[in-house]
Amino acid sequence: MTPIRFSKEEIAAITAKLRPYFRDELEMELRDLPAEMLIEFLAREIGPFFYNRALYDAQSVVSKKAEDLAEAIAGLERQE
């Protein structure tokens, strides 16, 4: 599987979410390098779980839509 990579803008946005959490919940200041290292770790080690869950959810939606489509097509059948 291709590693999850974030753009500089995405890393900045993620860091902006992490800093208040670390400050408020853990009473720690999170600096740039540790934040980037944490993001890299989470993407590498935990990201696949979120990725796979998203795939399962997408597959469920596509399956439901395919069923709906099959029913709609069946509804178009002409009687002999």
PDB file of N, CA and C in Angstrom:
ATOM      1  N   MET A   1       0.840  -1.176   0.000  1.00  0.00           N
ATOM      2  CA  MET A   1       0.000   0.000   0.000  1.00  0.00           C
ATOM      3  C   MET A   1       0.888   1.242   0.000  1.00  0.00           C
ATOM      4  N   THR A   2       0.476   2.237  -0.731  1.00  0.00           N
ATOM      5  CA  THR A   2       1.201   3.496  -0.785  1.00  0.00           C
ATOM      6  C   THR A   2       1.096   4.208   0.557  1.00  0.00           C
ATOM      7  N   PRO A   3       2.215   4.701   1.093  1.00  0.00           N
ATOM      8  CA  PRO A   3       2.152   5.404   2.374  1.00  0.00           C
ATOM      9  C   PRO A   3       1.255   6.646   2.284  1.00  0.00           C
ATOM     10  N   ILE A   4       0.617   6.961   3.388  1.00  0.00           N
ATOM     11  CA  ILE A   4      -0.218   8.164   3.456  1.00  0.00           C
ATOM     12  C   ILE A   4       0.713   9.359   3.603  1.00  0.00           C
ATOM     13  N   ARG A   5       0.604  10.294   2.699  1.00  0.00           N
ATOM     14  CA  ARG A   5       1.423  11.512   2.726  1.00  0.00           C
ATOM     15  C   ARG A   5       0.501  12.720   2.770  1.00  0.00           C
ATOM     16  N   PHE A   6       0.885  13.715   3.541  1.00  0.00           N
ATOM     17  CA  PHE A   6       0.112  14.945   3.641  1.00  0.00           C
ATOM     18  C   PHE A   6       0.917  16.106   3.068  1.00  0.00           C
ATOM     19  N   SER A   7       0.216  17.055   2.491  1.00  0.00           N
ATOM     20  CA  SER A   7       0.867  18.261   1.992  1.00  0.00           C
ATOM     21  C   SER A   7       1.271  19.138   3.179  1.00  0.00           C
ATOM     22  N   LYS A   8       2.081  20.141   2.915  1.00  0.00           N
ATOM     23  CA  LYS A   8       2.486  21.075   3.970  1.00  0.00           C
ATOM     24  C   LYS A   8       1.269  21.759   4.576  1.00  0.00           C
ATOM     25  N   GLU A   9       0.292  22.079   3.736  1.00  0.00           N
ATOM     26  CA  GLU A   9      -0.915  22.729   4.222  1.00  0.00           C
ATOM     27  C   GLU A   9      -1.726  21.805   5.123  1.00  0.00           C
ATOM     28  N   GLU A  10      -1.797  20.534   4.734  1.00  0.00           N
ATOM     29  CA  GLU A  10      -2.521  19.555   5.554  1.00  0.00           C
ATOM     30  C   GLU A  10      -1.815  19.333   6.891  1.00  0.00           C
ATOM     31  N   ILE A  11      -0.486  19.256   6.858  1.00  0.00           N
ATOM     32  CA  ILE A  11       0.272  19.091   8.099  1.00  0.00           C
ATOM     33  C   ILE A  11       0.042  20.287   9.017  1.00  0.00           C
ATOM     34  N   ALA A  12       0.034  21.482   8.437  1.00  0.00           N
ATOM     35  CA  ALA A  12      -0.221  22.683   9.242  1.00  0.00           C
ATOM     36  C   ALA A  12      -1.623  22.638   9.850  1.00  0.00           C
ATOM     37  N   ALA A  13      -2.607  22.191   9.088  1.00  0.00           N
ATOM     38  CA  ALA A  13      -3.978  22.107   9.592  1.00  0.00           C
ATOM     39  C   ALA A  13      -4.094  21.049  10.695  1.00  0.00           C
ATOM     40  N   ILE A  14      -3.439  19.914  10.505  1.00  0.00           N
ATOM     41  CA  ILE A  14      -3.469  18.852  11.516  1.00  0.00           C
ATOM     42  C   ILE A  14      -2.768  19.321  12.786  1.00  0.00           C
ATOM     43  N   THR A  15      -1.624  19.959  12.619  1.00  0.00           N
ATOM     44  CA  THR A  15      -0.878  20.490  13.766  1.00  0.00           C
ATOM     45  C   THR A  15      -1.722  21.496  14.535  1.00  0.00           C
ATOM     46  N   ALA A  16      -2.459  22.316  13.811  1.00  0.00           N
ATOM     47  CA  ALA A  16      -3.327  23.303  14.461  1.00  0.00           C
ATOM     48  C   ALA A  16      -4.415  22.629  15.293  1.00  0.00           C
ATOM     49  N   LYS A  17      -4.826  21.426  14.915  1.00  0.00           N
ATOM     50  CA  LYS A  17      -5.805  20.665  15.697  1.00  0.00           C
ATOM     51  C   LYS A  17      -5.151  19.972  16.888  1.00  0.00           C
ATOM     52  N   LEU A  18      -3.912  19.502  16.703  1.00  0.00           N
ATOM     53  CA  LEU A  18      -3.222  18.778  17.765  1.00  0.00           C
ATOM     54  C   LEU A  18      -2.767  19.677  18.910  1.00  0.00           C
ATOM     55  N   ARG A  19      -2.282  20.858  18.583  1.00  0.00           N
ATOM     56  CA  ARG A  19      -1.710  21.737  19.605  1.00  0.00           C
ATOM     57  C   ARG A  19      -2.686  22.050  20.744  1.00  0.00           C
ATOM     58  N   PRO A  20      -3.916  22.497  20.446  1.00  0.00           N
ATOM     59  CA  PRO A  20      -4.837  22.779  21.558  1.00  0.00           C
ATOM     60  C   PRO A  20      -5.174  21.521  22.372  1.00  0.00           C
ATOM     61  N   TYR A  21      -5.270  20.387  21.698  1.00  0.00           N
ATOM     62  CA  TYR A  21      -5.556  19.146  22.415  1.00  0.00           C
ATOM     63  C   TYR A  21      -4.427  18.841  23.398  1.00  0.00           C
ATOM     64  N   PHE A  22      -3.204  18.882  22.930  1.00  0.00           N
ATOM     65  CA  PHE A  22      -2.064  18.618  23.806  1.00  0.00           C
ATOM     66  C   PHE A  22      -1.997  19.627  24.946  1.00  0.00           C
ATOM     67  N   ARG A  23      -2.260  20.894  24.632  1.00  0.00           N
ATOM     68  CA  ARG A  23      -2.213  21.941  25.648  1.00  0.00           C
ATOM     69  C   ARG A  23      -3.315  21.746  26.694  1.00  0.00           C
ATOM     70  N   ASP A  24      -4.556  21.553  26.228  1.00  0.00           N
ATOM     71  CA  ASP A  24      -5.706  21.500  27.129  1.00  0.00           C
ATOM     72  C   ASP A  24      -5.852  20.167  27.849  1.00  0.00           C
ATOM     73  N   GLU A  25      -5.622  19.073  27.153  1.00  0.00           N
ATOM     74  CA  GLU A  25      -5.859  17.752  27.736  1.00  0.00           C
ATOM     75  C   GLU A  25      -4.627  17.152  28.402  1.00  0.00           C
ATOM     76  N   LEU A  26      -3.458  17.441  27.845  1.00  0.00           N
ATOM     77  CA  LEU A  26      -2.240  16.822  28.351  1.00  0.00           C
ATOM     78  C   LEU A  26      -1.301  17.816  29.031  1.00  0.00           C
ATOM     79  N   GLU A  27      -1.672  19.092  28.982  1.00  0.00           N
ATOM     80  CA  GLU A  27      -0.858  20.166  29.558  1.00  0.00           C
ATOM     81  C   GLU A  27       0.575  20.122  29.037  1.00  0.00           C
ATOM     82  N   MET A  28       0.678  19.965  27.709  1.00  0.00           N
ATOM     83  CA  MET A  28       1.973  19.927  27.035  1.00  0.00           C
ATOM     84  C   MET A  28       1.940  20.861  25.839  1.00  0.00           C
ATOM     85  N   GLU A  29       3.069  21.522  25.603  1.00  0.00           N
ATOM     86  CA  GLU A  29       3.203  22.327  24.395  1.00  0.00           C
ATOM     87  C   GLU A  29       3.792  21.446  23.301  1.00  0.00           C
ATOM     88  N   LEU A  30       3.140  21.425  22.170  1.00  0.00           N
ATOM     89  CA  LEU A  30       3.584  20.604  21.051  1.00  0.00           C
ATOM     90  C   LEU A  30       4.276  21.497  20.032  1.00  0.00           C
ATOM     91  N   ARG A  31       5.544  21.292  19.829  1.00  0.00           N
ATOM     92  CA  ARG A  31       6.337  22.086  18.882  1.00  0.00           C
ATOM     93  C   ARG A  31       6.239  21.492  17.477  1.00  0.00           C
ATOM     94  N   ASP A  32       6.770  22.208  16.502  1.00  0.00           N
ATOM     95  CA  ASP A  32       6.655  21.810  15.097  1.00  0.00           C
ATOM     96  C   ASP A  32       7.220  20.416  14.808  1.00  0.00           C
ATOM     97  N   LEU A  33       8.463  20.171  15.160  1.00  0.00           N
ATOM     98  CA  LEU A  33       9.086  18.892  14.823  1.00  0.00           C
ATOM     99  C   LEU A  33       8.380  17.716  15.506  1.00  0.00           C
ATOM    100  N   PRO A  34       8.140  17.774  16.824  1.00  0.00           N
ATOM    101  CA  PRO A  34       7.402  16.662  17.433  1.00  0.00           C
ATOM    102  C   PRO A  34       6.001  16.480  16.839  1.00  0.00           C
ATOM    103  N   ALA A  35       5.350  17.569  16.481  1.00  0.00           N
ATOM    104  CA  ALA A  35       4.021  17.473  15.869  1.00  0.00           C
ATOM    105  C   ALA A  35       4.109  16.756  14.525  1.00  0.00           C
ATOM    106  N   GLU A  36       5.083  17.120  13.714  1.00  0.00           N
ATOM    107  CA  GLU A  36       5.247  16.472  12.415  1.00  0.00           C
ATOM    108  C   GLU A  36       5.617  14.996  12.570  1.00  0.00           C
ATOM    109  N   MET A  37       6.439  14.700  13.569  1.00  0.00           N
ATOM    110  CA  MET A  37       6.804  13.302  13.815  1.00  0.00           C
ATOM    111  C   MET A  37       5.582  12.499  14.277  1.00  0.00           C
ATOM    112  N   LEU A  38       4.741  13.106  15.111  1.00  0.00           N
ATOM    113  CA  LEU A  38       3.526  12.444  15.570  1.00  0.00           C
ATOM    114  C   LEU A  38       2.573  12.202  14.406  1.00  0.00           C
ATOM    115  N   ILE A  39       2.418  13.193  13.552  1.00  0.00           N
ATOM    116  CA  ILE A  39       1.544  13.055  12.385  1.00  0.00           C
ATOM    117  C   ILE A  39       2.063  11.929  11.482  1.00  0.00           C
ATOM    118  N   GLU A  40       3.363  11.893  11.264  1.00  0.00           N
ATOM    119  CA  GLU A  40       3.957  10.838  10.436  1.00  0.00           C
ATOM    120  C   GLU A  40       3.704   9.462  11.059  1.00  0.00           C
ATOM    121  N   PHE A  41       3.884   9.359  12.373  1.00  0.00           N
ATOM    122  CA  PHE A  41       3.635   8.093  13.068  1.00  0.00           C
ATOM    123  C   PHE A  41       2.170   7.682  12.934  1.00  0.00           C
ATOM    124  N   LEU A  42       1.255   8.612  13.199  1.00  0.00           N
ATOM    125  CA  LEU A  42      -0.172   8.297  13.118  1.00  0.00           C
ATOM    126  C   LEU A  42      -0.557   7.885  11.702  1.00  0.00           C
ATOM    127  N   ALA A  43      -0.031   8.584  10.713  1.00  0.00           N
ATOM    128  CA  ALA A  43      -0.343   8.242   9.317  1.00  0.00           C
ATOM    129  C   ALA A  43       0.175   6.850   8.978  1.00  0.00           C
ATOM    130  N   ARG A  44       1.369   6.538   9.440  1.00  0.00           N
ATOM    131  CA  ARG A  44       1.988   5.250   9.113  1.00  0.00           C
ATOM    132  C   ARG A  44       1.358   4.088   9.887  1.00  0.00           C
ATOM    133  N   GLU A  45       1.124   4.270  11.171  1.00  0.00           N
ATOM    134  CA  GLU A  45       0.712   3.169  12.038  1.00  0.00           C
ATOM    135  C   GLU A  45      -0.795   3.063  12.243  1.00  0.00           C
ATOM    136  N   ILE A  46      -1.487   4.180  12.244  1.00  0.00           N
ATOM    137  CA  ILE A  46      -2.918   4.172  12.537  1.00  0.00           C
ATOM    138  C   ILE A  46      -3.745   4.536  11.310  1.00  0.00           C
ATOM    139  N   GLY A  47      -3.159   5.299  10.415  1.00  0.00           N
ATOM    140  CA  GLY A  47      -3.841   5.719   9.201  1.00  0.00           C
ATOM    141  C   GLY A  47      -4.477   4.587   8.418  1.00  0.00           C
ATOM    142  N   PRO A  48      -3.789   3.442   8.271  1.00  0.00           N
ATOM    143  CA  PRO A  48      -4.405   2.344   7.520  1.00  0.00           C
ATOM    144  C   PRO A  48      -5.741   1.864   8.094  1.00  0.00           C
ATOM    145  N   PHE A  49      -5.910   1.945   9.408  1.00  0.00           N
ATOM    146  CA  PHE A  49      -7.187   1.547  10.004  1.00  0.00           C
ATOM    147  C   PHE A  49      -8.309   2.488   9.547  1.00  0.00           C
ATOM    148  N   PHE A  50      -8.027   3.793   9.548  1.00  0.00           N
ATOM    149  CA  PHE A  50      -9.011   4.767   9.087  1.00  0.00           C
ATOM    150  C   PHE A  50      -9.260   4.622   7.589  1.00  0.00           C
ATOM    151  N   TYR A  51      -8.191   4.399   6.850  1.00  0.00           N
ATOM    152  CA  TYR A  51      -8.294   4.217   5.401  1.00  0.00           C
ATOM    153  C   TYR A  51      -9.179   3.022   5.077  1.00  0.00           C
ATOM    154  N   ASN A  52      -8.905   1.896   5.747  1.00  0.00           N
ATOM    155  CA  ASN A  52      -9.702   0.691   5.499  1.00  0.00           C
ATOM    156  C   ASN A  52     -11.156   0.888   5.892  1.00  0.00           C
ATOM    157  N   ARG A  53     -11.410   1.557   7.002  1.00  0.00           N
ATOM    158  CA  ARG A  53     -12.791   1.830   7.421  1.00  0.00           C
ATOM    159  C   ARG A  53     -13.491   2.670   6.353  1.00  0.00           C
ATOM    160  N   ALA A  54     -12.802   3.652   5.812  1.00  0.00           N
ATOM    161  CA  ALA A  54     -13.390   4.484   4.758  1.00  0.00           C
ATOM    162  C   ALA A  54     -13.701   3.643   3.525  1.00  0.00           C
ATOM    163  N   LEU A  55     -12.812   2.707   3.194  1.00  0.00           N
ATOM    164  CA  LEU A  55     -13.074   1.821   2.063  1.00  0.00           C
ATOM    165  C   LEU A  55     -14.311   0.969   2.300  1.00  0.00           C
ATOM    166  N   TYR A  56     -14.437   0.414   3.507  1.00  0.00           N
ATOM    167  CA  TYR A  56     -15.613  -0.399   3.831  1.00  0.00           C
ATOM    168  C   TYR A  56     -16.890   0.431   3.738  1.00  0.00           C
ATOM    169  N   ASP A  57     -16.819   1.651   4.251  1.00  0.00           N
ATOM    170  CA  ASP A  57     -17.988   2.533   4.193  1.00  0.00           C
ATOM    171  C   ASP A  57     -18.342   2.873   2.747  1.00  0.00           C
ATOM    172  N   ALA A  58     -17.331   3.170   1.935  1.00  0.00           N
ATOM    173  CA  ALA A  58     -17.570   3.478   0.524  1.00  0.00           C
ATOM    174  C   ALA A  58     -18.136   2.263  -0.202  1.00  0.00           C
ATOM    175  N   GLN A  59     -17.601   1.094   0.100  1.00  0.00           N
ATOM    176  CA  GLN A  59     -18.098  -0.129  -0.523  1.00  0.00           C
ATOM    177  C   GLN A  59     -19.567  -0.362  -0.165  1.00  0.00           C
ATOM    178  N   SER A  60     -19.936  -0.082   1.052  1.00  0.00           N
ATOM    179  CA  SER A  60     -21.320  -0.230   1.491  1.00  0.00           C
ATOM    180  C   SER A  60     -22.242   0.713   0.719  1.00  0.00           C
ATOM    181  N   VAL A  61     -21.812   1.955   0.547  1.00  0.00           N
ATOM    182  CA  VAL A  61     -22.608   2.931  -0.199  1.00  0.00           C
ATOM    183  C   VAL A  61     -22.759   2.501  -1.649  1.00  0.00           C
ATOM    184  N   VAL A  62     -21.664   2.067  -2.264  1.00  0.00           N
ATOM    185  CA  VAL A  62     -21.707   1.638  -3.669  1.00  0.00           C
ATOM    186  C   VAL A  62     -22.601   0.411  -3.822  1.00  0.00           C
ATOM    187  N   SER A  63     -22.511  -0.528  -2.882  1.00  0.00           N
ATOM    188  CA  SER A  63     -23.362  -1.721  -2.940  1.00  0.00           C
ATOM    189  C   SER A  63     -24.834  -1.349  -2.860  1.00  0.00           C
ATOM    190  N   LYS A  64     -25.171  -0.447  -1.965  1.00  0.00           N
ATOM    191  CA  LYS A  64     -26.565  -0.005  -1.823  1.00  0.00           C
ATOM    192  C   LYS A  64     -27.044   0.677  -3.101  1.00  0.00           C
ATOM    193  N   LYS A  65     -26.210   1.518  -3.674  1.00  0.00           N
ATOM    194  CA  LYS A  65     -26.576   2.200  -4.919  1.00  0.00           C
ATOM    195  C   LYS A  65     -26.738   1.182  -6.050  1.00  0.00           C
ATOM    196  N   ALA A  66     -25.878   0.160  -6.096  1.00  0.00           N
ATOM    197  CA  ALA A  66     -25.989  -0.873  -7.134  1.00  0.00           C
ATOM    198  C   ALA A  66     -27.301  -1.638  -6.981  1.00  0.00           C
ATOM    199  N   GLU A  67     -27.685  -1.924  -5.741  1.00  0.00           N
ATOM    200  CA  GLU A  67     -28.967  -2.594  -5.509  1.00  0.00           C
ATOM    201  C   GLU A  67     -30.127  -1.708  -5.981  1.00  0.00           C
ATOM    202  N   ASP A  68     -30.048  -0.427  -5.642  1.00  0.00           N
ATOM    203  CA  ASP A  68     -31.088   0.509  -6.062  1.00  0.00           C
ATOM    204  C   ASP A  68     -31.184   0.556  -7.590  1.00  0.00           C
ATOM    205  N   LEU A  69     -30.030   0.558  -8.248  1.00  0.00           N
ATOM    206  CA  LEU A  69     -29.997   0.597  -9.702  1.00  0.00           C
ATOM    207  C   LEU A  69     -30.587  -0.672 -10.293  1.00  0.00           C
ATOM    208  N   ALA A  70     -30.245  -1.827  -9.711  1.00  0.00           N
ATOM    209  CA  ALA A  70     -30.775  -3.101 -10.201  1.00  0.00           C
ATOM    210  C   ALA A  70     -32.295  -3.118 -10.065  1.00  0.00           C
ATOM    211  N   GLU A  71     -32.807  -2.601  -8.956  1.00  0.00           N
ATOM    212  CA  GLU A  71     -34.256  -2.536  -8.767  1.00  0.00           C
ATOM    213  C   GLU A  71     -34.895  -1.598  -9.793  1.00  0.00           C
ATOM    214  N   ALA A  72     -34.258  -0.465 -10.041  1.00  0.00           N
ATOM    215  CA  ALA A  72     -34.798   0.482 -11.021  1.00  0.00           C
ATOM    216  C   ALA A  72     -34.817  -0.132 -12.416  1.00  0.00           C
ATOM    217  N   ILE A  73     -33.767  -0.847 -12.759  1.00  0.00           N
ATOM    218  CA  ILE A  73     -33.712  -1.493 -14.078  1.00  0.00           C
ATOM    219  C   ILE A  73     -34.780  -2.590 -14.159  1.00  0.00           C
ATOM    220  N   ALA A  74     -34.909  -3.368 -13.090  1.00  0.00           N
ATOM    221  CA  ALA A  74     -35.947  -4.402 -13.071  1.00  0.00           C
ATOM    222  C   ALA A  74     -37.329  -3.790 -13.241  1.00  0.00           C
ATOM    223  N   GLY A  75     -37.517  -2.603 -12.699  1.00  0.00           N
ATOM    224  CA  GLY A  75     -38.803  -1.905 -12.839  1.00  0.00           C
ATOM    225  C   GLY A  75     -39.096  -1.477 -14.256  1.00  0.00           C
ATOM    226  N   LEU A  76     -38.080  -1.436 -15.105  1.00  0.00           N
ATOM    227  CA  LEU A  76     -38.260  -1.039 -16.502  1.00  0.00           C
ATOM    228  C   LEU A  76     -38.618  -2.213 -17.415  1.00  0.00           C
ATOM    229  N   GLU A  77     -38.558  -3.429 -16.868  1.00  0.00           N
ATOM    230  CA  GLU A  77     -38.854  -4.605 -17.685  1.00  0.00           C
ATOM    231  C   GLU A  77     -40.293  -4.529 -18.217  1.00  0.00           C
ATOM    232  N   ARG A  78     -40.432  -4.979 -19.438  1.00  0.00           N
ATOM    233  CA  ARG A  78     -41.765  -4.997 -20.055  1.00  0.00           C
ATOM    234  C   ARG A  78     -42.395  -6.359 -19.883  1.00  0.00           C
ATOM    235  N   GLN A  79     -43.666  -6.337 -19.712  1.00  0.00           N
ATOM    236  CA  GLN A  79     -44.403  -7.587 -19.583  1.00  0.00           C
ATOM    237  C   GLN A  79     -44.563  -8.206 -20.987  1.00  0.00           C
ATOM    238  N   GLU A  80     -44.533  -9.504 -21.060  1.00  0.00           N
ATOM    239  CA  GLU A  80     -44.659 -10.192 -22.348  1.00  0.00           C
ATOM    240  C   GLU A  80     -46.091 -10.306 -22.769  1.00  0.00           C
TER     241      GLU A  80
END
